[in-house]
C-alpha atoms as a PDB file:
ATOM      1  CA  UNK A   1      -0.027   0.066  -0.080  1.00  0.00           C
ATOM      2  CA  UNK A   2       2.722   2.530   0.947  1.00  0.00           C
ATOM      3  CA  UNK A   3       4.755   1.765  -2.245  1.00  0.00           C
ATOM      4  CA  UNK A   4       1.342   2.506  -4.252  1.00  0.00           C
ATOM      5  CA  UNK A   5       1.088   5.679  -2.446  1.00  0.00           C
ATOM      6  CA  UNK A   6       4.681   7.004  -2.962  1.00  0.00           C
ATOM      7  CA  UNK A   7       4.625   6.241  -6.993  1.00  0.00           C
ATOM      8  CA  UNK A   8       0.919   8.387  -6.808  1.00  0.00           C
ATOM      9  CA  UNK A   9       3.073  11.104  -4.828  1.00  0.00           C
ATOM     10  CA  UNK A  10       6.039  10.646  -7.029  1.00  0.00           C
ATOM     11  CA  UNK A  11       3.606  10.977 -10.094  1.00  0.00           C
ATOM     12  CA  UNK A  12       2.147  14.068  -9.137  1.00  0.00           C
ATOM     13  CA  UNK A  13       5.259  15.995  -8.557  1.00  0.00           C
ATOM     14  CA  UNK A  14       6.809  14.858 -11.329  1.00  0.00           C
ATOM     15  CA  UNK A  15       3.552  16.119 -13.726  1.00  0.00           C
ATOM     16  CA  UNK A  16       3.463  19.306 -11.651  1.00  0.00           C
ATOM     17  CA  UNK A  17       7.236  19.856 -12.320  1.00  0.00           C
ATOM     18  CA  UNK A  18       7.181  19.352 -15.984  1.00  0.00           C
ATOM     19  CA  UNK A  19       3.981  21.373 -16.462  1.00  0.00           C
ATOM     20  CA  UNK A  20       5.474  24.552 -14.211  1.00  0.00           C
ATOM     21  CA  UNK A  21       8.675  24.246 -16.935  1.00  0.00           C
ATOM     22  CA  UNK A  22       6.701  23.515 -19.909  1.00  0.00           C
ATOM     23  CA  UNK A  23       5.353  27.142 -18.787  1.00  0.00           C
ATOM     24  CA  UNK A  24       8.570  28.846 -18.424  1.00  0.00           C
ATOM     25  CA  UNK A  25       8.432  28.611 -14.730  1.00  0.00           C
ATOM     26  CA  UNK A  26      11.139  27.873 -12.003  1.00  0.00           C
ATOM     27  CA  UNK A  27      10.059  24.976  -9.523  1.00  0.00           C
ATOM     28  CA  UNK A  28      10.486  25.665  -6.016  1.00  0.00           C
ATOM     29  CA  UNK A  29      10.114  22.426  -3.743  1.00  0.00           C
ATOM     30  CA  UNK A  30       9.514  22.850  -0.482  1.00  0.00           C
ATOM     31  CA  UNK A  31       9.628  20.637   2.524  1.00  0.00           C
ATOM     32  CA  UNK A  32      12.309  17.882   1.359  1.00  0.00           C
ATOM     33  CA  UNK A  33      13.130  16.197   4.887  1.00  0.00           C
ATOM     34  CA  UNK A  34      15.148  13.033   3.627  1.00  0.00           C
ATOM     35  CA  UNK A  35      17.952  12.487   1.136  1.00  0.00           C
ATOM     36  CA  UNK A  36      15.617   9.938  -0.464  1.00  0.00           C
ATOM     37  CA  UNK A  37      12.994  13.190  -1.199  1.00  0.00           C
ATOM     38  CA  UNK A  38      15.821  15.353  -2.001  1.00  0.00           C
ATOM     39  CA  UNK A  39      17.400  12.804  -4.688  1.00  0.00           C
ATOM     40  CA  UNK A  40      13.708  12.277  -6.315  1.00  0.00           C
ATOM     41  CA  UNK A  41      13.675  16.088  -6.654  1.00  0.00           C
ATOM     42  CA  UNK A  42      17.065  16.585  -7.930  1.00  0.00           C
ATOM     43  CA  UNK A  43      16.195  14.358 -10.197  1.00  0.00           C
ATOM     44  CA  UNK A  44      13.223  15.843 -11.575  1.00  0.00           C
ATOM     45  CA  UNK A  45      15.472  18.764 -12.125  1.00  0.00           C
ATOM     46  CA  UNK A  46      13.473  20.924  -9.456  1.00  0.00           C
ATOM     47  CA  UNK A  47      15.201  24.679  -9.677  1.00  0.00           C
ATOM     48  CA  UNK A  48      15.206  24.976  -6.075  1.00  0.00           C
ATOM     49  CA  UNK A  49      14.920  22.228  -3.058  1.00  0.00           C
ATOM     50  CA  UNK A  50      14.597  23.348   0.692  1.00  0.00           C
ATOM     51  CA  UNK A  51      13.461  21.761   3.793  1.00  0.00           C
ATOM     52  CA  UNK A  52      14.689  20.133   6.899  1.00  0.00           C
ATOM     53  CA  UNK A  53      16.902  18.230   4.399  1.00  0.00           C
ATOM     54  CA  UNK A  54      18.998  21.025   4.492  1.00  0.00           C
ATOM     55  CA  UNK A  55      18.828  22.341   7.370  1.00  0.00           C
ATOM     56  CA  UNK A  56      16.687  23.337  10.685  1.00  0.00           C
ATOM     57  CA  UNK A  57      15.526  26.675  11.404  1.00  0.00           C
ATOM     58  CA  UNK A  58      18.044  29.190  12.875  1.00  0.00           C
ATOM     59  CA  UNK A  59      17.464  31.745  16.176  1.00  0.00           C
ATOM     60  CA  UNK A  60      18.927  34.778  14.833  1.00  0.00           C
ATOM     61  CA  UNK A  61      21.964  34.876  16.801  1.00  0.00           C
ATOM     62  CA  UNK A  62      22.995  31.580  15.190  1.00  0.00           C
ATOM     63  CA  UNK A  63      21.898  32.715  11.847  1.00  0.00           C
ATOM     64  CA  UNK A  64      24.032  35.704  12.216  1.00  0.00           C
ATOM     65  CA  UNK A  65      27.085  33.498  13.202  1.00  0.00           C
ATOM     66  CA  UNK A  66      26.467  31.349  10.530  1.00  0.00           C
ATOM     67  CA  UNK A  67      26.547  33.841   7.795  1.00  0.00           C
ATOM     68  CA  UNK A  68      29.782  35.357   9.083  1.00  0.00           C
ATOM     69  CA  UNK A  69      31.446  31.937   9.111  1.00  0.00           C
ATOM     70  CA  UNK A  70      30.184  31.274   5.453  1.00  0.00           C
ATOM     71  CA  UNK A  71      31.322  34.332   4.263  1.00  0.00           C
ATOM     72  CA  UNK A  72      35.072  34.295   6.154  1.00  0.00           C
ATOM     73  CA  UNK A  73      35.921  30.276   5.515  1.00  0.00           C
ATOM     74  CA  UNK A  74      33.212  28.605   3.130  1.00  0.00           C
ATOM     75  CA  UNK A  75      30.240  26.837   3.588  1.00  0.00           C
ATOM     76  CA  UNK A  76      29.439  25.944   7.210  1.00  0.00           C
ATOM     77  CA  UNK A  77      29.695  21.829   7.958  1.00  0.00           C
ATOM     78  CA  UNK A  78      26.803  20.055   7.586  1.00  0.00           C
ATOM     79  CA  UNK A  79      24.950  22.266   5.695  1.00  0.00           C
ATOM     80  CA  UNK A  80      24.677  22.351   1.908  1.00  0.00           C
ATOM     81  CA  UNK A  81      24.915  25.484  -0.317  1.00  0.00           C
ATOM     82  CA  UNK A  82      20.998  26.467  -1.150  1.00  0.00           C
ATOM     83  CA  UNK A  83      21.917  27.414  -4.629  1.00  0.00           C
ATOM     84  CA  UNK A  84      21.324  24.329  -7.001  1.00  0.00           C
ATOM     85  CA  UNK A  85      24.562  22.422  -7.996  1.00  0.00           C
ATOM     86  CA  UNK A  86      26.093  23.177 -11.110  1.00  0.00           C
ATOM     87  CA  UNK A  87      25.337  19.794 -12.689  1.00  0.00           C
ATOM     88  CA  UNK A  88      22.060  21.014 -13.083  1.00  0.00           C
ATOM     89  CA  UNK A  89      22.863  23.403 -15.197  1.00  0.00           C
ATOM     90  CA  UNK A  90      20.535  26.499 -15.923  1.00  0.00           C
ATOM     91  CA  UNK A  91      16.831  26.476 -14.660  1.00  0.00           C
ATOM     92  CA  UNK A  92      14.418  25.478 -16.950  1.00  0.00           C
ATOM     93  CA  UNK A  93      12.758  28.782 -17.137  1.00  0.00           C
ATOM     94  CA  UNK A  94      16.023  30.670 -18.084  1.00  0.00           C
ATOM     95  CA  UNK A  95      16.771  27.719 -20.905  1.00  0.00           C
ATOM     96  CA  UNK A  96      13.389  27.653 -22.610  1.00  0.00           C
ATOM     97  CA  UNK A  97      12.228  31.442 -22.241  1.00  0.00           C
ATOM     98  CA  UNK A  98      14.952  33.627 -23.515  1.00  0.00           C
ATOM     99  CA  UNK A  99      13.280  36.708 -25.232  1.00  0.00           C
END
């Protein structure tokens, strides 16, 4: 039962991503919590993926410290960059919808 539900969810998400890209829209997938979900969304070429799988919310002081460290020494260990990886290429809207 769970496998068929997962397949249905994946089919719906894949369809929505495809529709958005066909309409020259970038896709922001919100709520990715597991490595499996993040990999699935990357495989579907979502333009931006966010959620607890990338990091938990930070307090203001922790955020300021994080940004300061990131700006001075690079990415904070255990926190992935919020920009899509280079291997994803240019977002669909930029590829297909140039004037």
